[in-house]
């Protein structure tokens, strides 16, 4: 039974990791204001930047730092929710064994702490990026 739960949890944890890896796949494209005949530095920088590449590091929702932190905080939250579900399953199938019940309760407790930390980190990151953008 433990091996089945372990395989299911590994499979569930693999999905966010794969989605995280695919979120950074981009197709190279030239920017709209790219002029390949102009040999200035500004034109070269415009040609090197893709269409959907953010202009700023901090600030709005499309900035690099905001996008990276949102993806990472989403992963932390998703893993915490998955661990909360796994802890609930472990609690249900513990069969009254005190050691397994305690272990399941600890898993649930740590998952809830992870969710709270993810929310607080999201608030802190938005506060800091808002302070840098102003």
N, C-alpha and C. Protein backbone atom coordinates (compact mmCIF):
# COMPACT_ATOMS: atom_id res chain seq x y z
N UNK A 1 0.82 -1.19 0.00
CA UNK A 1 0.00 0.00 0.00
C UNK A 1 0.86 1.26 0.00
N UNK A 2 1.97 1.23 0.76
CA UNK A 2 2.85 2.38 0.81
C UNK A 2 3.49 2.66 -0.55
N UNK A 3 3.83 1.60 -1.28
CA UNK A 3 4.45 1.80 -2.59
C UNK A 3 3.46 2.42 -3.57
N UNK A 4 2.19 2.09 -3.46
CA UNK A 4 1.18 2.69 -4.34
C UNK A 4 1.04 4.17 -4.04
N UNK A 5 0.97 4.53 -2.77
CA UNK A 5 0.86 5.94 -2.39
C UNK A 5 2.11 6.69 -2.81
N UNK A 6 3.26 6.08 -2.66
CA UNK A 6 4.51 6.73 -3.06
C UNK A 6 4.53 6.99 -4.57
N UNK A 7 4.08 6.02 -5.36
CA UNK A 7 4.06 6.19 -6.81
C UNK A 7 3.05 7.27 -7.23
N UNK A 8 1.90 7.30 -6.57
CA UNK A 8 0.90 8.32 -6.88
C UNK A 8 1.42 9.70 -6.53
N UNK A 9 2.06 9.83 -5.36
CA UNK A 9 2.57 11.14 -4.96
C UNK A 9 3.71 11.59 -5.86
N UNK A 10 4.55 10.69 -6.30
CA UNK A 10 5.62 11.06 -7.23
C UNK A 10 5.03 11.50 -8.56
N UNK A 11 3.99 10.83 -9.01
CA UNK A 11 3.34 11.22 -10.26
C UNK A 11 2.68 12.58 -10.14
N UNK A 12 2.05 12.86 -8.99
CA UNK A 12 1.42 14.15 -8.79
C UNK A 12 2.44 15.28 -8.69
N UNK A 13 3.59 14.99 -8.11
CA UNK A 13 4.62 16.01 -7.99
C UNK A 13 5.34 16.25 -9.31
N UNK A 14 5.27 15.29 -10.21
CA UNK A 14 5.93 15.44 -11.50
C UNK A 14 5.19 16.42 -12.40
N UNK A 15 3.88 16.53 -12.25
CA UNK A 15 3.09 17.40 -13.12
C UNK A 15 3.49 18.87 -12.95
N UNK A 16 3.56 19.44 -11.72
CA UNK A 16 3.98 20.84 -11.62
C UNK A 16 5.41 21.08 -12.11
N UNK A 17 6.28 20.10 -11.92
CA UNK A 17 7.66 20.26 -12.38
C UNK A 17 7.69 20.34 -13.90
N UNK A 18 6.91 19.50 -14.56
CA UNK A 18 6.87 19.54 -16.03
C UNK A 18 6.25 20.84 -16.51
N UNK A 19 5.19 21.31 -15.86
CA UNK A 19 4.57 22.57 -16.26
C UNK A 19 5.52 23.74 -16.03
N UNK A 20 6.31 23.68 -14.96
CA UNK A 20 7.29 24.74 -14.70
C UNK A 20 8.34 24.79 -15.80
N UNK A 21 8.80 23.63 -16.24
CA UNK A 21 9.79 23.59 -17.32
C UNK A 21 9.23 24.08 -18.63
N UNK A 22 7.97 23.76 -18.91
CA UNK A 22 7.37 24.19 -20.17
C UNK A 22 7.00 25.67 -20.17
N UNK A 23 6.90 26.28 -18.99
CA UNK A 23 6.51 27.69 -18.94
C UNK A 23 7.61 28.62 -19.46
N UNK A 24 8.83 28.14 -19.55
CA UNK A 24 9.92 28.99 -20.02
C UNK A 24 10.27 28.74 -21.48
N UNK A 25 9.54 27.88 -22.16
CA UNK A 25 9.79 27.62 -23.57
C UNK A 25 9.20 28.76 -24.38
N UNK A 26 10.04 29.43 -25.14
CA UNK A 26 9.57 30.53 -25.98
C UNK A 26 10.02 30.31 -27.41
N UNK A 27 9.27 30.86 -28.31
CA UNK A 27 9.62 30.80 -29.72
C UNK A 27 10.29 32.10 -30.08
N UNK A 28 11.52 32.06 -30.64
CA UNK A 28 12.19 33.30 -30.99
C UNK A 28 11.45 34.02 -32.10
N UNK A 29 11.26 35.31 -31.93
CA UNK A 29 10.59 36.13 -32.94
C UNK A 29 11.19 37.52 -32.88
N UNK A 30 11.21 38.19 -34.01
CA UNK A 30 11.74 39.55 -34.05
C UNK A 30 10.70 40.52 -33.52
N UNK A 31 11.19 41.56 -32.87
CA UNK A 31 10.30 42.58 -32.36
C UNK A 31 9.71 43.38 -33.51
N UNK A 32 8.58 44.03 -33.24
CA UNK A 32 7.88 44.77 -34.30
C UNK A 32 8.68 45.97 -34.79
N UNK A 33 9.48 46.59 -33.92
CA UNK A 33 10.23 47.77 -34.31
C UNK A 33 11.68 47.44 -34.67
N UNK A 34 11.94 46.24 -35.13
CA UNK A 34 13.28 45.81 -35.51
C UNK A 34 13.55 46.24 -36.95
N UNK A 35 14.68 46.89 -37.17
CA UNK A 35 15.11 47.28 -38.52
C UNK A 35 16.47 46.64 -38.75
N UNK A 36 16.53 45.51 -39.50
CA UNK A 36 17.81 44.84 -39.71
C UNK A 36 18.80 45.64 -40.54
N UNK A 37 18.34 46.65 -41.26
CA UNK A 37 19.23 47.48 -42.08
C UNK A 37 19.90 48.57 -41.28
N UNK A 38 19.37 48.90 -40.13
CA UNK A 38 19.94 49.93 -39.28
C UNK A 38 21.00 49.29 -38.38
N UNK A 39 22.20 49.83 -38.35
CA UNK A 39 23.29 49.24 -37.60
C UNK A 39 23.54 49.94 -36.26
N UNK A 40 22.52 50.61 -35.72
CA UNK A 40 22.71 51.29 -34.44
C UNK A 40 22.52 50.30 -33.29
N UNK A 41 22.96 50.71 -32.10
CA UNK A 41 22.85 49.87 -30.92
C UNK A 41 21.39 49.67 -30.54
N UNK A 42 20.59 50.73 -30.63
CA UNK A 42 19.17 50.62 -30.27
C UNK A 42 18.44 49.63 -31.18
N UNK A 43 18.73 49.69 -32.47
CA UNK A 43 18.08 48.77 -33.40
C UNK A 43 18.53 47.33 -33.14
N UNK A 44 19.80 47.14 -32.82
CA UNK A 44 20.29 45.81 -32.50
C UNK A 44 19.64 45.26 -31.25
N UNK A 45 19.44 46.12 -30.25
CA UNK A 45 18.76 45.69 -29.02
C UNK A 45 17.31 45.36 -29.30
N UNK A 46 16.66 46.15 -30.18
CA UNK A 46 15.28 45.85 -30.53
C UNK A 46 15.16 44.53 -31.27
N UNK A 47 16.12 44.23 -32.14
CA UNK A 47 16.08 42.97 -32.89
C UNK A 47 16.38 41.77 -31.99
N UNK A 48 17.17 41.97 -30.95
CA UNK A 48 17.52 40.87 -30.06
C UNK A 48 16.38 40.52 -29.11
N UNK A 49 15.47 41.47 -28.89
CA UNK A 49 14.36 41.24 -27.97
C UNK A 49 13.18 40.66 -28.75
N UNK A 50 12.61 39.59 -28.23
CA UNK A 50 11.46 38.96 -28.87
C UNK A 50 10.19 39.76 -28.66
N UNK A 51 9.10 39.33 -29.29
CA UNK A 51 7.82 40.04 -29.21
C UNK A 51 7.24 40.03 -27.80
N UNK A 52 7.30 38.91 -27.12
CA UNK A 52 6.67 38.78 -25.81
C UNK A 52 7.65 38.94 -24.65
N UNK A 53 8.85 39.41 -24.92
CA UNK A 53 9.84 39.58 -23.87
C UNK A 53 9.52 40.85 -23.08
N UNK A 54 9.47 40.75 -21.74
CA UNK A 54 9.16 41.93 -20.94
C UNK A 54 10.25 42.99 -21.03
N UNK A 55 9.83 44.25 -20.92
CA UNK A 55 10.78 45.36 -20.99
C UNK A 55 11.42 45.66 -19.65
N UNK A 56 10.73 45.37 -18.56
CA UNK A 56 11.20 45.78 -17.24
C UNK A 56 11.47 44.58 -16.36
N UNK A 57 12.37 44.76 -15.40
CA UNK A 57 12.63 43.72 -14.41
C UNK A 57 11.59 43.74 -13.30
N UNK A 58 11.16 44.93 -12.87
CA UNK A 58 10.19 45.08 -11.80
C UNK A 58 9.00 45.87 -12.31
N UNK A 59 7.90 45.81 -11.57
CA UNK A 59 6.77 46.65 -11.91
C UNK A 59 5.50 45.88 -12.18
N UNK A 60 5.03 45.98 -13.42
CA UNK A 60 3.73 45.42 -13.75
C UNK A 60 3.74 43.90 -13.79
N UNK A 61 2.62 43.32 -14.21
CA UNK A 61 2.47 41.87 -14.20
C UNK A 61 3.34 41.17 -15.24
N UNK A 62 3.82 41.90 -16.23
CA UNK A 62 4.63 41.27 -17.28
C UNK A 62 6.12 41.41 -17.04
N UNK A 63 6.54 41.95 -15.90
CA UNK A 63 7.97 42.10 -15.64
C UNK A 63 8.60 40.74 -15.34
N UNK A 64 9.88 40.65 -15.58
CA UNK A 64 10.59 39.38 -15.43
C UNK A 64 10.52 38.87 -14.00
N UNK A 65 10.86 39.71 -13.04
CA UNK A 65 10.90 39.29 -11.64
C UNK A 65 9.53 38.85 -11.16
N UNK A 66 8.50 39.58 -11.54
CA UNK A 66 7.14 39.25 -11.11
C UNK A 66 6.70 37.91 -11.70
N UNK A 67 7.02 37.67 -12.96
CA UNK A 67 6.62 36.41 -13.59
C UNK A 67 7.33 35.22 -12.94
N UNK A 68 8.63 35.35 -12.69
CA UNK A 68 9.40 34.25 -12.09
C UNK A 68 8.91 33.96 -10.67
N UNK A 69 8.70 35.00 -9.87
CA UNK A 69 8.24 34.78 -8.50
C UNK A 69 6.83 34.21 -8.47
N UNK A 70 5.97 34.64 -9.38
CA UNK A 70 4.62 34.09 -9.42
C UNK A 70 4.63 32.60 -9.76
N UNK A 71 5.50 32.20 -10.69
CA UNK A 71 5.59 30.78 -11.04
C UNK A 71 6.13 29.98 -9.86
N UNK A 72 7.15 30.48 -9.20
CA UNK A 72 7.72 29.76 -8.05
C UNK A 72 6.74 29.69 -6.89
N UNK A 73 6.04 30.77 -6.62
CA UNK A 73 5.06 30.76 -5.54
C UNK A 73 3.88 29.85 -5.88
N UNK A 74 3.51 29.77 -7.15
CA UNK A 74 2.47 28.84 -7.57
C UNK A 74 2.91 27.40 -7.31
N UNK A 75 4.17 27.12 -7.61
CA UNK A 75 4.68 25.76 -7.36
C UNK A 75 4.67 25.41 -5.88
N UNK A 76 5.08 26.35 -5.04
CA UNK A 76 5.08 26.09 -3.59
C UNK A 76 3.65 25.86 -3.11
N UNK A 77 2.71 26.66 -3.57
CA UNK A 77 1.32 26.48 -3.18
C UNK A 77 0.74 25.17 -3.69
N UNK A 78 1.06 24.81 -4.94
CA UNK A 78 0.55 23.57 -5.51
C UNK A 78 1.11 22.35 -4.77
N UNK A 79 2.39 22.38 -4.47
CA UNK A 79 2.99 21.26 -3.72
C UNK A 79 2.40 21.18 -2.32
N UNK A 80 2.12 22.32 -1.69
CA UNK A 80 1.52 22.30 -0.35
C UNK A 80 0.12 21.70 -0.39
N UNK A 81 -0.66 22.05 -1.41
CA UNK A 81 -2.01 21.49 -1.53
C UNK A 81 -1.93 19.98 -1.79
N UNK A 82 -1.01 19.57 -2.64
CA UNK A 82 -0.84 18.13 -2.91
C UNK A 82 -0.45 17.40 -1.64
N UNK A 83 0.45 17.97 -0.86
CA UNK A 83 0.86 17.32 0.40
C UNK A 83 -0.29 17.31 1.41
N UNK A 84 -1.15 18.32 1.38
CA UNK A 84 -2.33 18.32 2.24
C UNK A 84 -3.24 17.16 1.88
N UNK A 85 -3.43 16.92 0.59
CA UNK A 85 -4.26 15.81 0.14
C UNK A 85 -3.61 14.48 0.53
N UNK A 86 -2.31 14.36 0.33
CA UNK A 86 -1.60 13.13 0.70
C UNK A 86 -1.70 12.88 2.20
N UNK A 87 -1.57 13.93 3.01
CA UNK A 87 -1.71 13.79 4.46
C UNK A 87 -3.11 13.32 4.84
N UNK A 88 -4.13 13.85 4.15
CA UNK A 88 -5.49 13.40 4.41
C UNK A 88 -5.70 11.94 4.05
N UNK A 89 -5.12 11.53 2.93
CA UNK A 89 -5.22 10.13 2.53
C UNK A 89 -4.50 9.24 3.54
N UNK A 90 -3.33 9.66 3.97
CA UNK A 90 -2.58 8.87 4.96
C UNK A 90 -3.35 8.77 6.27
N UNK A 91 -4.05 9.85 6.64
CA UNK A 91 -4.83 9.85 7.88
C UNK A 91 -6.00 8.87 7.77
N UNK A 92 -6.64 8.86 6.60
CA UNK A 92 -7.79 7.98 6.42
C UNK A 92 -7.38 6.51 6.42
N UNK A 93 -6.25 6.19 5.80
CA UNK A 93 -5.85 4.78 5.69
C UNK A 93 -4.93 4.33 6.81
N UNK A 94 -4.78 5.15 7.85
CA UNK A 94 -3.87 4.78 8.94
C UNK A 94 -4.36 3.58 9.73
N UNK A 95 -5.65 3.34 9.74
CA UNK A 95 -6.17 2.17 10.43
C UNK A 95 -6.05 2.24 11.95
N UNK A 96 -5.94 3.42 12.50
CA UNK A 96 -5.86 3.56 13.95
C UNK A 96 -4.47 3.42 14.53
N UNK A 97 -3.46 3.13 13.70
CA UNK A 97 -2.08 3.01 14.19
C UNK A 97 -1.61 4.39 14.62
N UNK A 98 -1.22 4.53 15.88
CA UNK A 98 -0.89 5.84 16.44
C UNK A 98 0.28 6.51 15.73
N UNK A 99 1.28 5.75 15.35
CA UNK A 99 2.45 6.33 14.66
C UNK A 99 2.06 6.87 13.30
N UNK A 100 1.21 6.13 12.57
CA UNK A 100 0.78 6.60 11.25
C UNK A 100 -0.14 7.81 11.37
N UNK A 101 -0.99 7.83 12.39
CA UNK A 101 -1.88 8.98 12.61
C UNK A 101 -1.06 10.22 12.91
N UNK A 102 -0.06 10.09 13.76
CA UNK A 102 0.81 11.22 14.10
C UNK A 102 1.56 11.71 12.87
N UNK A 103 2.07 10.79 12.07
CA UNK A 103 2.78 11.16 10.85
C UNK A 103 1.86 11.88 9.87
N UNK A 104 0.63 11.40 9.74
CA UNK A 104 -0.33 12.04 8.84
C UNK A 104 -0.70 13.43 9.33
N UNK A 105 -0.89 13.58 10.64
CA UNK A 105 -1.20 14.90 11.20
C UNK A 105 -0.05 15.88 10.99
N UNK A 106 1.19 15.39 11.14
CA UNK A 106 2.34 16.25 10.88
C UNK A 106 2.41 16.68 9.42
N UNK A 107 2.09 15.76 8.51
CA UNK A 107 2.08 16.10 7.09
C UNK A 107 1.04 17.18 6.81
N UNK A 108 -0.14 17.04 7.39
CA UNK A 108 -1.20 18.03 7.21
C UNK A 108 -0.78 19.38 7.80
N UNK A 109 -0.20 19.34 8.99
CA UNK A 109 0.25 20.58 9.64
C UNK A 109 1.30 21.30 8.80
N UNK A 110 2.29 20.58 8.31
CA UNK A 110 3.35 21.19 7.53
C UNK A 110 2.84 21.68 6.18
N UNK A 111 1.84 21.01 5.61
CA UNK A 111 1.25 21.47 4.36
C UNK A 111 0.51 22.78 4.57
N UNK A 112 -0.21 22.88 5.68
CA UNK A 112 -0.92 24.14 5.98
C UNK A 112 0.07 25.26 6.24
N UNK A 113 1.16 24.96 6.94
CA UNK A 113 2.21 25.97 7.15
C UNK A 113 2.80 26.40 5.80
N UNK A 114 2.98 25.46 4.88
CA UNK A 114 3.49 25.78 3.55
C UNK A 114 2.56 26.69 2.79
N UNK A 115 1.25 26.45 2.88
CA UNK A 115 0.28 27.31 2.20
C UNK A 115 0.30 28.71 2.78
N UNK A 116 0.37 28.81 4.11
CA UNK A 116 0.42 30.14 4.76
C UNK A 116 1.68 30.88 4.36
N UNK A 117 2.81 30.18 4.32
CA UNK A 117 4.07 30.81 3.92
C UNK A 117 4.00 31.26 2.46
N UNK A 118 3.36 30.47 1.60
CA UNK A 118 3.23 30.86 0.20
C UNK A 118 2.41 32.14 0.06
N UNK A 119 1.31 32.25 0.82
CA UNK A 119 0.50 33.47 0.77
C UNK A 119 1.28 34.68 1.30
N UNK A 120 1.99 34.49 2.41
CA UNK A 120 2.77 35.60 2.97
C UNK A 120 3.91 36.00 2.03
N UNK A 121 4.54 35.02 1.39
CA UNK A 121 5.61 35.34 0.45
C UNK A 121 5.05 36.08 -0.76
N UNK A 122 3.87 35.71 -1.23
CA UNK A 122 3.24 36.41 -2.35
C UNK A 122 2.98 37.87 -1.98
N UNK A 123 2.47 38.10 -0.76
CA UNK A 123 2.21 39.47 -0.32
C UNK A 123 3.52 40.25 -0.19
N UNK A 124 4.55 39.63 0.36
CA UNK A 124 5.83 40.31 0.53
C UNK A 124 6.47 40.64 -0.82
N UNK A 125 6.42 39.71 -1.74
CA UNK A 125 7.01 39.94 -3.06
C UNK A 125 6.27 41.06 -3.79
N UNK A 126 4.95 41.06 -3.72
CA UNK A 126 4.19 42.14 -4.37
C UNK A 126 4.47 43.48 -3.72
N UNK A 127 4.66 43.51 -2.40
CA UNK A 127 4.99 44.76 -1.73
C UNK A 127 6.36 45.27 -2.16
N UNK A 128 7.34 44.37 -2.20
CA UNK A 128 8.70 44.78 -2.56
C UNK A 128 8.79 45.20 -4.02
N UNK A 129 8.18 44.44 -4.93
CA UNK A 129 8.24 44.82 -6.34
C UNK A 129 7.47 46.10 -6.59
N UNK A 130 6.39 46.33 -5.84
CA UNK A 130 5.68 47.60 -5.95
C UNK A 130 6.52 48.77 -5.46
N UNK A 131 7.33 48.54 -4.43
CA UNK A 131 8.20 49.59 -3.92
C UNK A 131 9.32 49.91 -4.91
N UNK A 132 9.86 48.87 -5.60
CA UNK A 132 10.90 49.12 -6.59
C UNK A 132 10.35 49.78 -7.84
N UNK A 133 9.10 49.50 -8.19
CA UNK A 133 8.52 50.04 -9.41
C UNK A 133 8.14 51.51 -9.24
N UNK A 134 7.87 51.93 -8.01
CA UNK A 134 7.43 53.31 -7.80
C UNK A 134 8.56 54.30 -7.89
